[in-house]
């Protein structure tokens, strides 16, 4: 169903050291240590870290660095408790700033830096899965779009990327979706088209402000 009780919080991430590019699992683990309830919540999602400076040895945090944490509106208190807390990403110490909630807004073009689906390691396989997921999302709401409107959505598979959870190596791709209606755009952002969203995967944002190419 279309859930308008979901919000995104922009969480500053502060630190003076370069951190690894692949921090999705470590960020999830760090938040879960501070707020154990996050570990059991199904509707949470985390974006990759944005506004960092990419170098040969990792991602250098800047005063503008942040990530998005998506959660039910009723759980905002748990997110606010991250403010000022120190955490460790692997071997690197960081601190969370004050979260700022924002309403999820529709955009006709969305992009995700990394989408992973089990056993879908080829672009055509992933595109077919995303298409089927878009149909399923549309069928889940009252006042659904026409089949033609869903068929009109353009799916672009971007760079192949490798994601790691501890010692497990997972293949995924960047994904861009074009020609989305407002309703389908909100559905994708709230519920996505893939899993591992707590590890930074399948998190879609407006393509206008994306750093997918980093």
N, C-alpha and C. Protein backbone atom coordinates (compact mmCIF):
# COMPACT_ATOMS: atom_id res chain seq x y z
N UNK A 1 0.83 -1.19 0.00
CA UNK A 1 0.00 0.00 0.00
C UNK A 1 0.87 1.25 0.00
N UNK A 2 0.30 2.38 -0.44
CA UNK A 2 1.03 3.64 -0.47
C UNK A 2 1.05 4.22 0.93
N UNK A 3 2.23 4.24 1.54
CA UNK A 3 2.35 4.62 2.95
C UNK A 3 2.93 6.02 3.03
N UNK A 4 2.07 7.01 3.35
CA UNK A 4 2.52 8.38 3.48
C UNK A 4 2.98 8.69 4.90
N UNK A 5 3.02 7.68 5.77
CA UNK A 5 3.51 7.87 7.12
C UNK A 5 4.99 7.49 7.23
N UNK A 6 5.69 7.53 6.11
CA UNK A 6 7.12 7.25 6.07
C UNK A 6 7.86 8.54 5.76
N UNK A 7 8.92 8.81 6.50
CA UNK A 7 9.70 10.03 6.29
C UNK A 7 11.17 9.68 6.08
N UNK A 8 11.89 10.62 5.53
CA UNK A 8 13.34 10.49 5.40
C UNK A 8 14.02 11.55 6.25
N UNK A 9 15.04 11.12 6.98
CA UNK A 9 15.80 12.04 7.82
C UNK A 9 17.20 12.19 7.25
N UNK A 10 17.61 13.41 7.07
CA UNK A 10 18.96 13.71 6.62
C UNK A 10 19.86 13.76 7.85
N UNK A 11 20.80 12.81 7.94
CA UNK A 11 21.62 12.68 9.13
C UNK A 11 23.07 13.06 8.81
N UNK A 12 23.57 14.18 9.34
CA UNK A 12 24.98 14.52 9.11
C UNK A 12 25.89 13.45 9.71
N UNK A 13 26.99 13.18 9.03
CA UNK A 13 27.97 12.22 9.53
C UNK A 13 29.32 12.94 9.58
N UNK A 14 29.89 13.01 10.77
CA UNK A 14 31.04 13.86 11.03
C UNK A 14 32.27 13.01 11.34
N UNK A 15 33.39 13.41 10.80
CA UNK A 15 34.64 12.70 11.05
C UNK A 15 35.76 13.33 10.25
N UNK A 16 36.97 13.12 10.68
CA UNK A 16 38.12 13.76 10.03
C UNK A 16 38.94 12.81 9.20
N UNK A 17 38.53 11.54 9.12
CA UNK A 17 39.34 10.55 8.42
C UNK A 17 38.63 10.04 7.18
N UNK A 18 39.40 9.49 6.28
CA UNK A 18 38.85 8.83 5.10
C UNK A 18 38.32 7.46 5.51
N UNK A 19 37.10 7.16 5.09
CA UNK A 19 36.47 5.88 5.42
C UNK A 19 36.36 5.03 4.15
N UNK A 20 36.17 3.73 4.28
CA UNK A 20 36.03 2.89 3.08
C UNK A 20 34.80 3.28 2.26
N UNK A 21 34.84 3.02 0.96
CA UNK A 21 33.68 3.28 0.11
C UNK A 21 32.48 2.43 0.54
N UNK A 22 32.74 1.20 0.87
CA UNK A 22 31.68 0.23 1.14
C UNK A 22 31.37 0.20 2.64
N UNK A 23 30.48 1.12 3.08
CA UNK A 23 30.20 1.26 4.51
C UNK A 23 28.78 0.87 4.88
N UNK A 24 28.00 0.34 3.92
CA UNK A 24 26.58 0.08 4.18
C UNK A 24 26.34 -0.80 5.39
N UNK A 25 27.03 -1.94 5.46
CA UNK A 25 26.83 -2.85 6.59
C UNK A 25 27.31 -2.20 7.89
N UNK A 26 28.46 -1.53 7.85
CA UNK A 26 29.02 -0.94 9.07
C UNK A 26 28.13 0.18 9.60
N UNK A 27 27.52 0.95 8.70
CA UNK A 27 26.62 2.01 9.14
C UNK A 27 25.38 1.42 9.80
N UNK A 28 24.84 0.38 9.20
CA UNK A 28 23.70 -0.33 9.80
C UNK A 28 24.07 -0.88 11.18
N UNK A 29 25.24 -1.51 11.30
CA UNK A 29 25.65 -2.09 12.58
C UNK A 29 25.85 -1.00 13.63
N UNK A 30 26.43 0.14 13.22
CA UNK A 30 26.67 1.23 14.17
C UNK A 30 25.37 1.79 14.71
N UNK A 31 24.38 1.99 13.84
CA UNK A 31 23.09 2.51 14.28
C UNK A 31 22.39 1.50 15.19
N UNK A 32 22.49 0.22 14.84
CA UNK A 32 21.83 -0.82 15.64
C UNK A 32 22.43 -0.92 17.04
N UNK A 33 23.72 -0.66 17.17
CA UNK A 33 24.34 -0.68 18.51
C UNK A 33 23.80 0.46 19.38
N UNK A 34 23.55 1.61 18.76
CA UNK A 34 23.02 2.75 19.51
C UNK A 34 21.54 2.57 19.80
N UNK A 35 20.78 2.11 18.80
CA UNK A 35 19.34 1.91 18.92
C UNK A 35 19.01 0.48 18.51
N UNK A 36 19.01 -0.48 19.44
CA UNK A 36 18.77 -1.89 19.09
C UNK A 36 17.45 -2.13 18.36
N UNK A 37 16.47 -1.26 18.56
CA UNK A 37 15.19 -1.43 17.88
C UNK A 37 15.31 -1.33 16.37
N UNK A 38 16.32 -0.64 15.91
CA UNK A 38 16.54 -0.50 14.47
C UNK A 38 16.83 -1.84 13.83
N UNK A 39 17.47 -2.73 14.56
CA UNK A 39 17.85 -4.04 14.04
C UNK A 39 16.62 -4.87 13.66
N UNK A 40 15.50 -4.63 14.34
CA UNK A 40 14.31 -5.45 14.13
C UNK A 40 13.24 -4.76 13.29
N UNK A 41 13.48 -3.53 12.87
CA UNK A 41 12.47 -2.76 12.14
C UNK A 41 12.51 -3.09 10.65
N UNK A 42 11.35 -3.42 10.08
CA UNK A 42 11.29 -3.81 8.68
C UNK A 42 11.24 -2.63 7.72
N UNK A 43 10.73 -1.51 8.16
CA UNK A 43 10.48 -0.40 7.24
C UNK A 43 11.63 0.61 7.20
N UNK A 44 12.73 0.30 7.83
CA UNK A 44 13.87 1.21 7.80
C UNK A 44 14.69 1.02 6.54
N UNK A 45 15.29 2.10 6.08
CA UNK A 45 16.20 2.04 4.93
C UNK A 45 17.27 3.10 5.12
N UNK A 46 18.47 2.82 4.63
CA UNK A 46 19.60 3.73 4.74
C UNK A 46 20.16 3.98 3.35
N UNK A 47 20.52 5.22 3.07
CA UNK A 47 21.16 5.55 1.80
C UNK A 47 22.67 5.41 1.93
N UNK A 48 23.38 5.33 0.81
CA UNK A 48 24.84 5.50 0.87
C UNK A 48 25.18 6.89 1.39
N UNK A 49 26.40 7.06 1.88
CA UNK A 49 26.86 8.37 2.35
C UNK A 49 27.03 9.30 1.16
N UNK A 50 26.50 10.51 1.27
CA UNK A 50 26.58 11.50 0.20
C UNK A 50 27.45 12.67 0.63
N UNK A 51 27.89 13.42 -0.38
CA UNK A 51 28.73 14.61 -0.20
C UNK A 51 30.09 14.29 0.45
N UNK A 52 30.63 13.12 0.12
CA UNK A 52 32.00 12.81 0.50
C UNK A 52 32.91 13.02 -0.70
N UNK A 53 34.21 13.10 -0.45
CA UNK A 53 35.18 13.28 -1.53
C UNK A 53 35.83 11.93 -1.82
N UNK A 54 35.59 11.41 -3.02
CA UNK A 54 36.12 10.10 -3.39
C UNK A 54 37.60 10.22 -3.75
N UNK A 55 38.43 9.39 -3.14
CA UNK A 55 39.85 9.33 -3.44
C UNK A 55 40.27 7.91 -3.73
N UNK A 56 41.54 7.71 -3.96
CA UNK A 56 42.03 6.38 -4.30
C UNK A 56 41.93 5.41 -3.13
N UNK A 57 41.92 5.95 -1.90
CA UNK A 57 41.93 5.09 -0.72
C UNK A 57 40.61 5.09 0.05
N UNK A 58 39.57 5.71 -0.51
CA UNK A 58 38.29 5.70 0.18
C UNK A 58 37.54 7.01 0.03
N UNK A 59 36.61 7.24 0.95
CA UNK A 59 35.74 8.41 0.92
C UNK A 59 36.10 9.34 2.07
N UNK A 60 36.52 10.54 1.73
CA UNK A 60 36.87 11.54 2.75
C UNK A 60 35.60 12.29 3.16
N UNK A 61 35.27 12.26 4.43
CA UNK A 61 34.11 12.98 4.92
C UNK A 61 34.38 14.48 4.89
N UNK A 62 33.34 15.26 4.62
CA UNK A 62 33.42 16.71 4.61
C UNK A 62 32.37 17.25 5.58
N UNK A 63 32.39 18.55 5.88
CA UNK A 63 31.34 19.11 6.75
C UNK A 63 29.94 18.95 6.17
N UNK A 64 29.84 18.69 4.86
CA UNK A 64 28.54 18.53 4.21
C UNK A 64 28.10 17.06 4.09
N UNK A 65 28.91 16.12 4.56
CA UNK A 65 28.58 14.70 4.38
C UNK A 65 27.35 14.31 5.21
N UNK A 66 26.53 13.45 4.63
CA UNK A 66 25.32 12.99 5.31
C UNK A 66 24.85 11.69 4.67
N UNK A 67 23.86 11.07 5.32
CA UNK A 67 23.13 9.96 4.71
C UNK A 67 21.66 10.13 5.05
N UNK A 68 20.80 9.46 4.29
CA UNK A 68 19.38 9.46 4.57
C UNK A 68 19.01 8.23 5.38
N UNK A 69 18.18 8.40 6.36
CA UNK A 69 17.62 7.28 7.12
C UNK A 69 16.10 7.38 7.00
N UNK A 70 15.51 6.38 6.38
CA UNK A 70 14.07 6.36 6.15
C UNK A 70 13.38 5.50 7.20
N UNK A 71 12.28 6.01 7.75
CA UNK A 71 11.62 5.28 8.84
C UNK A 71 10.16 5.68 8.92
N UNK A 72 9.35 4.91 9.64
CA UNK A 72 7.97 5.33 9.91
C UNK A 72 7.97 6.61 10.74
N UNK A 73 6.99 7.44 10.48
CA UNK A 73 6.88 8.71 11.20
C UNK A 73 6.83 8.47 12.71
N UNK A 74 6.23 7.37 13.12
CA UNK A 74 6.09 7.07 14.54
C UNK A 74 7.42 6.76 15.22
N UNK A 75 8.47 6.49 14.44
CA UNK A 75 9.77 6.13 15.00
C UNK A 75 10.79 7.27 14.96
N UNK A 76 10.33 8.48 14.72
CA UNK A 76 11.26 9.60 14.62
C UNK A 76 12.06 9.79 15.90
N UNK A 77 11.45 9.50 17.04
CA UNK A 77 12.16 9.67 18.30
C UNK A 77 13.41 8.83 18.36
N UNK A 78 13.35 7.61 17.83
CA UNK A 78 14.51 6.74 17.83
C UNK A 78 15.61 7.32 16.95
N UNK A 79 15.23 7.93 15.83
CA UNK A 79 16.22 8.53 14.93
C UNK A 79 16.86 9.75 15.58
N UNK A 80 16.06 10.57 16.25
CA UNK A 80 16.61 11.77 16.90
C UNK A 80 17.64 11.41 17.97
N UNK A 81 17.51 10.24 18.56
CA UNK A 81 18.45 9.86 19.62
C UNK A 81 19.85 9.54 19.08
N UNK A 82 19.99 9.48 17.76
CA UNK A 82 21.33 9.31 17.18
C UNK A 82 22.16 10.59 17.29
N UNK A 83 21.51 11.73 17.44
CA UNK A 83 22.20 13.02 17.41
C UNK A 83 23.31 13.08 18.45
N UNK A 84 24.51 13.43 17.99
CA UNK A 84 25.65 13.59 18.88
C UNK A 84 26.33 12.30 19.29
N UNK A 85 25.78 11.16 18.91
CA UNK A 85 26.37 9.87 19.31
C UNK A 85 27.59 9.54 18.46
N UNK A 86 28.59 8.97 19.12
CA UNK A 86 29.77 8.48 18.41
C UNK A 86 29.55 7.03 18.00
N UNK A 87 30.16 6.65 16.89
CA UNK A 87 30.01 5.29 16.38
C UNK A 87 31.28 4.89 15.65
N UNK A 88 31.40 3.62 15.38
CA UNK A 88 32.57 3.10 14.68
C UNK A 88 32.10 2.39 13.42
N UNK A 89 32.69 2.79 12.28
CA UNK A 89 32.44 2.11 11.01
C UNK A 89 33.67 1.26 10.72
N UNK A 90 33.59 -0.02 11.06
CA UNK A 90 34.79 -0.86 10.93
C UNK A 90 35.84 -0.40 11.92
N UNK A 91 36.92 0.20 11.42
CA UNK A 91 37.99 0.72 12.27
C UNK A 91 37.98 2.25 12.36
N UNK A 92 36.90 2.88 11.88
CA UNK A 92 36.89 4.34 11.76
C UNK A 92 35.81 4.94 12.65
N UNK A 93 36.20 5.92 13.46
CA UNK A 93 35.27 6.54 14.39
C UNK A 93 34.62 7.77 13.75
N UNK A 94 33.29 7.85 13.88
CA UNK A 94 32.53 8.98 13.35
C UNK A 94 31.54 9.45 14.41
N UNK A 95 30.83 10.54 14.11
CA UNK A 95 29.79 11.04 15.00
C UNK A 95 28.60 11.47 14.16
N UNK A 96 27.41 11.22 14.67
CA UNK A 96 26.19 11.61 13.97
C UNK A 96 25.77 13.01 14.38
N UNK A 97 25.34 13.81 13.41
CA UNK A 97 24.79 15.12 13.68
C UNK A 97 23.30 15.03 13.99
N UNK A 98 22.63 16.17 13.98
CA UNK A 98 21.21 16.23 14.31
C UNK A 98 20.38 15.86 13.07
N UNK A 99 19.58 14.81 13.14
CA UNK A 99 18.75 14.41 12.00
C UNK A 99 17.71 15.49 11.66
N UNK A 100 17.47 15.64 10.36
CA UNK A 100 16.47 16.60 9.90
C UNK A 100 15.45 15.87 9.02
N UNK A 101 14.21 15.70 9.51
CA UNK A 101 13.22 14.96 8.72
C UNK A 101 12.73 15.77 7.53
N UNK A 102 12.48 15.07 6.43
CA UNK A 102 11.93 15.69 5.23
C UNK A 102 10.86 14.79 4.64
N UNK A 103 9.85 15.40 4.06
CA UNK A 103 8.79 14.66 3.40
C UNK A 103 9.34 14.04 2.11
N UNK A 104 8.96 12.81 1.82
CA UNK A 104 9.35 12.18 0.57
C UNK A 104 8.51 12.77 -0.55
N UNK A 105 9.16 13.32 -1.55
CA UNK A 105 8.46 13.98 -2.64
C UNK A 105 8.63 13.21 -3.95
N UNK A 106 7.61 13.23 -4.80
CA UNK A 106 7.72 12.51 -6.07
C UNK A 106 8.67 13.21 -7.03
N UNK A 107 9.30 12.42 -7.88
CA UNK A 107 10.15 12.91 -8.96
C UNK A 107 9.98 11.97 -10.14
N UNK A 108 9.97 12.51 -11.33
CA UNK A 108 9.74 11.68 -12.51
C UNK A 108 10.93 10.80 -12.84
N UNK A 109 12.09 11.12 -12.26
CA UNK A 109 13.29 10.34 -12.51
C UNK A 109 13.99 10.06 -11.18
N UNK A 110 14.22 8.78 -10.90
CA UNK A 110 14.87 8.36 -9.66
C UNK A 110 16.11 7.54 -9.99
N UNK A 111 17.06 7.54 -9.06
CA UNK A 111 18.28 6.76 -9.26
C UNK A 111 18.70 6.13 -7.94
N UNK A 112 19.26 4.93 -8.02
CA UNK A 112 19.84 4.25 -6.87
C UNK A 112 21.27 3.86 -7.22
N UNK A 113 22.19 4.12 -6.31
CA UNK A 113 23.59 3.79 -6.57
C UNK A 113 23.82 2.30 -6.66
N UNK A 114 23.04 1.51 -5.90
CA UNK A 114 23.25 0.07 -5.89
C UNK A 114 21.94 -0.66 -5.62
N UNK A 115 21.55 -1.52 -6.56
CA UNK A 115 20.39 -2.38 -6.40
C UNK A 115 20.87 -3.82 -6.49
N UNK A 116 20.54 -4.62 -5.51
CA UNK A 116 20.92 -6.03 -5.51
C UNK A 116 19.69 -6.91 -5.34
N UNK A 117 19.63 -7.98 -6.11
CA UNK A 117 18.56 -8.96 -6.02
C UNK A 117 19.21 -10.34 -6.11
N UNK A 118 18.84 -11.22 -5.21
CA UNK A 118 19.44 -12.54 -5.17
C UNK A 118 19.31 -13.25 -6.51
N UNK A 119 20.44 -13.76 -7.00
CA UNK A 119 20.53 -14.54 -8.25
C UNK A 119 20.26 -13.70 -9.50
N UNK A 120 20.23 -12.37 -9.37
CA UNK A 120 20.06 -11.50 -10.54
C UNK A 120 21.37 -10.72 -10.74
N UNK A 121 22.33 -11.35 -11.40
CA UNK A 121 23.66 -10.76 -11.53
C UNK A 121 23.96 -10.25 -12.94
N UNK A 122 22.96 -10.32 -13.82
CA UNK A 122 23.11 -9.80 -15.18
C UNK A 122 22.12 -8.65 -15.38
N UNK A 123 22.49 -7.63 -16.15
CA UNK A 123 21.61 -6.47 -16.33
C UNK A 123 20.20 -6.82 -16.79
N UNK A 124 20.07 -7.71 -17.77
CA UNK A 124 18.74 -8.05 -18.28
C UNK A 124 17.89 -8.73 -17.21
N UNK A 125 18.51 -9.60 -16.41
CA UNK A 125 17.79 -10.28 -15.33
C UNK A 125 17.28 -9.27 -14.30
N UNK A 126 18.14 -8.33 -13.96
CA UNK A 126 17.77 -7.33 -12.96
C UNK A 126 16.65 -6.43 -13.49
N UNK A 127 16.77 -6.02 -14.74
CA UNK A 127 15.73 -5.16 -15.33
C UNK A 127 14.38 -5.86 -15.34
N UNK A 128 14.37 -7.16 -15.67
CA UNK A 128 13.12 -7.90 -15.69
C UNK A 128 12.52 -8.00 -14.29
N UNK A 129 13.37 -8.21 -13.28
CA UNK A 129 12.88 -8.27 -11.90
C UNK A 129 12.29 -6.92 -11.49
N UNK A 130 12.97 -5.84 -11.83
CA UNK A 130 12.48 -4.51 -11.46
C UNK A 130 11.13 -4.24 -12.11
N UNK A 131 11.00 -4.63 -13.39
CA UNK A 131 9.72 -4.44 -14.07
C UNK A 131 8.59 -5.19 -13.35
N UNK A 132 8.85 -6.43 -12.97
CA UNK A 132 7.82 -7.22 -12.27
C UNK A 132 7.50 -6.60 -10.92
N UNK A 133 8.51 -6.06 -10.27
CA UNK A 133 8.30 -5.42 -8.97
C UNK A 133 7.47 -4.15 -9.11
N UNK A 134 7.68 -3.39 -10.18
CA UNK A 134 6.88 -2.19 -10.42
C UNK A 134 5.41 -2.55 -10.61
N UNK A 135 5.14 -3.63 -11.36
CA UNK A 135 3.76 -4.08 -11.51
C UNK A 135 3.17 -4.47 -10.16
N UNK A 136 3.95 -5.18 -9.34
CA UNK A 136 3.46 -5.62 -8.03
C UNK A 136 3.17 -4.42 -7.12
N UNK A 137 4.04 -3.43 -7.14
CA UNK A 137 3.81 -2.23 -6.33
C UNK A 137 2.54 -1.52 -6.77
N UNK A 138 2.34 -1.43 -8.06
CA UNK A 138 1.14 -0.76 -8.58
C UNK A 138 -0.13 -1.51 -8.15
N UNK A 139 -0.09 -2.83 -8.16
CA UNK A 139 -1.25 -3.62 -7.79
C UNK A 139 -1.56 -3.53 -6.29
N UNK A 140 -0.58 -3.06 -5.51
CA UNK A 140 -0.75 -3.06 -4.05
C UNK A 140 -1.52 -1.87 -3.53
N UNK A 141 -1.85 -0.91 -4.40
CA UNK A 141 -2.49 0.32 -3.92
C UNK A 141 -3.87 0.50 -4.51
N UNK A 142 -4.70 1.24 -3.80
CA UNK A 142 -6.00 1.64 -4.30
C UNK A 142 -5.82 2.80 -5.28
N UNK A 143 -6.59 2.81 -6.35
CA UNK A 143 -6.42 3.86 -7.34
C UNK A 143 -5.15 3.70 -8.13
N UNK A 144 -4.84 2.46 -8.49
CA UNK A 144 -3.59 2.15 -9.16
C UNK A 144 -3.52 2.79 -10.54
N UNK A 145 -2.28 2.89 -11.04
CA UNK A 145 -2.03 3.41 -12.38
C UNK A 145 -2.49 2.39 -13.42
N UNK A 146 -2.66 2.86 -14.64
CA UNK A 146 -2.97 1.94 -15.72
C UNK A 146 -1.74 1.09 -16.05
N UNK A 147 -1.96 -0.06 -16.66
CA UNK A 147 -0.84 -0.91 -17.05
C UNK A 147 0.08 -0.18 -18.01
N UNK A 148 -0.50 0.65 -18.88
CA UNK A 148 0.31 1.39 -19.84
C UNK A 148 1.26 2.37 -19.14
N UNK A 149 0.79 2.96 -18.04
CA UNK A 149 1.64 3.91 -17.31
C UNK A 149 2.84 3.20 -16.69
N UNK A 150 2.63 1.97 -16.22
CA UNK A 150 3.74 1.21 -15.65
C UNK A 150 4.68 0.75 -16.76
N UNK A 151 4.12 0.34 -17.88
CA UNK A 151 4.95 -0.10 -19.00
C UNK A 151 5.79 1.04 -19.55
N UNK A 152 5.33 2.28 -19.39
CA UNK A 152 6.06 3.43 -19.92
C UNK A 152 7.30 3.77 -19.11
N UNK A 153 7.40 3.25 -17.90
CA UNK A 153 8.57 3.54 -17.07
C UNK A 153 9.83 2.96 -17.72
N UNK A 154 10.82 3.76 -17.89
CA UNK A 154 12.07 3.33 -18.50
C UNK A 154 13.04 2.89 -17.41
N UNK A 155 13.62 1.72 -17.58
CA UNK A 155 14.58 1.16 -16.62
C UNK A 155 15.96 1.17 -17.26
N UNK A 156 16.88 1.86 -16.64
CA UNK A 156 18.25 1.94 -17.14
C UNK A 156 19.20 1.31 -16.12
N UNK A 157 19.90 0.28 -16.52
CA UNK A 157 20.87 -0.38 -15.65
C UNK A 157 22.21 0.31 -15.83
N UNK A 158 22.80 0.76 -14.73
CA UNK A 158 24.03 1.54 -14.76
C UNK A 158 25.23 0.67 -14.41
N UNK A 159 26.20 1.24 -13.75
CA UNK A 159 27.45 0.55 -13.46
C UNK A 159 27.27 -0.68 -12.57
N UNK A 160 28.04 -1.70 -12.89
CA UNK A 160 28.10 -2.88 -12.02
C UNK A 160 28.94 -2.54 -10.80
N UNK A 161 28.47 -2.94 -9.64
CA UNK A 161 29.17 -2.67 -8.39
C UNK A 161 29.21 -3.94 -7.54
N UNK A 162 30.17 -3.99 -6.65
CA UNK A 162 30.29 -5.11 -5.72
C UNK A 162 30.08 -4.58 -4.31
N UNK A 163 29.20 -5.24 -3.59
CA UNK A 163 28.85 -4.85 -2.22
C UNK A 163 29.25 -5.99 -1.29
N UNK A 164 29.77 -5.63 -0.12
CA UNK A 164 30.21 -6.65 0.82
C UNK A 164 29.48 -6.53 2.15
N UNK A 165 29.01 -7.66 2.65
CA UNK A 165 28.48 -7.75 4.02
C UNK A 165 29.41 -8.69 4.75
N UNK A 166 30.24 -8.13 5.62
CA UNK A 166 31.33 -8.87 6.25
C UNK A 166 32.19 -9.50 5.15
N UNK A 167 32.25 -10.82 5.07
CA UNK A 167 33.09 -11.46 4.05
C UNK A 167 32.30 -11.90 2.83
N UNK A 168 31.03 -11.58 2.78
CA UNK A 168 30.19 -12.00 1.67
C UNK A 168 30.21 -10.96 0.56
N UNK A 169 30.45 -11.40 -0.66
CA UNK A 169 30.56 -10.52 -1.82
C UNK A 169 29.26 -10.61 -2.63
N UNK A 170 28.63 -9.45 -2.87
CA UNK A 170 27.33 -9.40 -3.53
C UNK A 170 27.42 -8.47 -4.74
N UNK A 171 26.92 -8.92 -5.87
CA UNK A 171 26.96 -8.14 -7.10
C UNK A 171 25.66 -7.37 -7.27
N UNK A 172 25.79 -6.11 -7.67
CA UNK A 172 24.62 -5.29 -7.95
C UNK A 172 24.92 -4.27 -9.02
N UNK A 173 23.96 -3.40 -9.29
CA UNK A 173 24.11 -2.38 -10.32
C UNK A 173 23.45 -1.09 -9.87
N UNK A 174 23.95 0.02 -10.37
CA UNK A 174 23.20 1.26 -10.26
C UNK A 174 21.97 1.16 -11.16
N UNK A 175 20.90 1.83 -10.78
CA UNK A 175 19.65 1.77 -11.55
C UNK A 175 19.04 3.17 -11.63
N UNK A 176 18.60 3.51 -12.84
CA UNK A 176 17.88 4.77 -13.04
C UNK A 176 16.49 4.45 -13.59
N UNK A 177 15.46 5.07 -13.03
CA UNK A 177 14.08 4.91 -13.49
C UNK A 177 13.59 6.25 -14.02
N UNK A 178 13.04 6.24 -15.22
CA UNK A 178 12.54 7.47 -15.85
C UNK A 178 11.05 7.35 -16.14
N UNK A 179 10.42 8.51 -16.35
CA UNK A 179 9.01 8.60 -16.73
C UNK A 179 8.09 7.99 -15.69
N UNK A 180 8.38 8.27 -14.43
CA UNK A 180 7.54 7.81 -13.33
C UNK A 180 6.41 8.79 -13.07
N UNK A 181 5.23 8.26 -12.82
CA UNK A 181 4.14 9.10 -12.31
C UNK A 181 4.44 9.46 -10.86
N UNK A 182 3.72 10.44 -10.33
CA UNK A 182 3.92 10.81 -8.93
C UNK A 182 3.67 9.62 -8.01
N UNK A 183 2.62 8.87 -8.27
CA UNK A 183 2.27 7.75 -7.40
C UNK A 183 3.33 6.66 -7.45
N UNK A 184 3.78 6.30 -8.65
CA UNK A 184 4.79 5.27 -8.77
C UNK A 184 6.12 5.73 -8.18
N UNK A 185 6.43 7.00 -8.31
CA UNK A 185 7.66 7.53 -7.73
C UNK A 185 7.65 7.39 -6.20
N UNK A 186 6.52 7.71 -5.58
CA UNK A 186 6.42 7.57 -4.13
C UNK A 186 6.47 6.11 -3.70
N UNK A 187 5.84 5.23 -4.47
CA UNK A 187 5.88 3.81 -4.14
C UNK A 187 7.31 3.28 -4.18
N UNK A 188 8.05 3.63 -5.21
CA UNK A 188 9.44 3.15 -5.33
C UNK A 188 10.28 3.68 -4.18
N UNK A 189 10.10 4.95 -3.82
CA UNK A 189 10.91 5.52 -2.74
C UNK A 189 10.53 4.94 -1.38
N UNK A 190 9.25 4.70 -1.17
CA UNK A 190 8.82 4.18 0.13
C UNK A 190 9.09 2.69 0.28
N UNK A 191 8.93 1.94 -0.80
CA UNK A 191 8.98 0.48 -0.70
C UNK A 191 10.04 -0.17 -1.57
N UNK A 192 10.58 0.55 -2.53
CA UNK A 192 11.69 0.11 -3.38
C UNK A 192 11.34 -1.09 -4.25
N UNK A 193 12.35 -1.58 -4.96
CA UNK A 193 12.17 -2.70 -5.89
C UNK A 193 13.13 -3.84 -5.57
N UNK A 194 13.81 -3.74 -4.43
CA UNK A 194 14.80 -4.76 -4.08
C UNK A 194 14.97 -4.80 -2.57
N UNK A 195 15.87 -5.66 -2.11
CA UNK A 195 16.10 -5.83 -0.68
C UNK A 195 17.40 -5.19 -0.21
N UNK A 196 17.80 -5.60 1.01
CA UNK A 196 19.03 -5.11 1.67
C UNK A 196 19.03 -3.59 1.81
N UNK A 197 17.85 -3.04 2.06
CA UNK A 197 17.74 -1.58 2.12
C UNK A 197 18.38 -1.01 3.38
N UNK A 198 18.49 -1.81 4.42
CA UNK A 198 19.15 -1.33 5.64
C UNK A 198 20.66 -1.26 5.47
N UNK A 199 21.17 -1.85 4.39
CA UNK A 199 22.61 -1.82 4.12
C UNK A 199 22.96 -0.82 3.02
N UNK A 200 22.03 0.06 2.68
CA UNK A 200 22.32 1.08 1.67
C UNK A 200 21.95 0.70 0.26
N UNK A 201 21.31 -0.46 0.07
CA UNK A 201 20.95 -0.91 -1.28
C UNK A 201 19.49 -0.54 -1.60
N UNK A 202 19.21 -0.35 -2.89
CA UNK A 202 17.85 -0.11 -3.32
C UNK A 202 17.25 1.18 -2.80
N UNK A 203 18.08 2.15 -2.45
CA UNK A 203 17.59 3.42 -1.93
C UNK A 203 17.54 4.41 -3.09
N UNK A 204 16.32 4.79 -3.47
CA UNK A 204 16.13 5.67 -4.63
C UNK A 204 15.90 7.12 -4.20
N UNK A 205 16.57 8.02 -4.91
CA UNK A 205 16.39 9.45 -4.68
C UNK A 205 16.21 10.14 -6.03
N UNK A 206 15.78 11.38 -5.98
CA UNK A 206 15.61 12.15 -7.20
C UNK A 206 16.92 12.21 -7.98
N UNK A 207 16.85 11.93 -9.29
CA UNK A 207 18.06 11.91 -10.09
C UNK A 207 18.72 13.28 -10.19
N UNK A 208 17.94 14.34 -9.94
CA UNK A 208 18.49 15.68 -10.01
C UNK A 208 19.54 15.96 -8.96
N UNK A 209 19.47 15.28 -7.81
CA UNK A 209 20.44 15.52 -6.75
C UNK A 209 21.32 14.34 -6.47
N UNK A 210 21.39 13.42 -7.43
CA UNK A 210 22.09 12.15 -7.19
C UNK A 210 23.58 12.26 -7.40
N UNK A 211 24.31 11.38 -6.68
CA UNK A 211 25.75 11.25 -6.89
C UNK A 211 26.06 9.81 -7.30
N UNK A 212 25.17 9.24 -8.08
CA UNK A 212 25.34 7.81 -8.43
C UNK A 212 26.66 7.53 -9.08
N UNK A 213 27.17 8.45 -9.86
CA UNK A 213 28.40 8.18 -10.59
C UNK A 213 29.63 8.15 -9.73
N UNK A 214 29.52 8.50 -8.45
CA UNK A 214 30.72 8.55 -7.60
C UNK A 214 31.27 7.16 -7.33
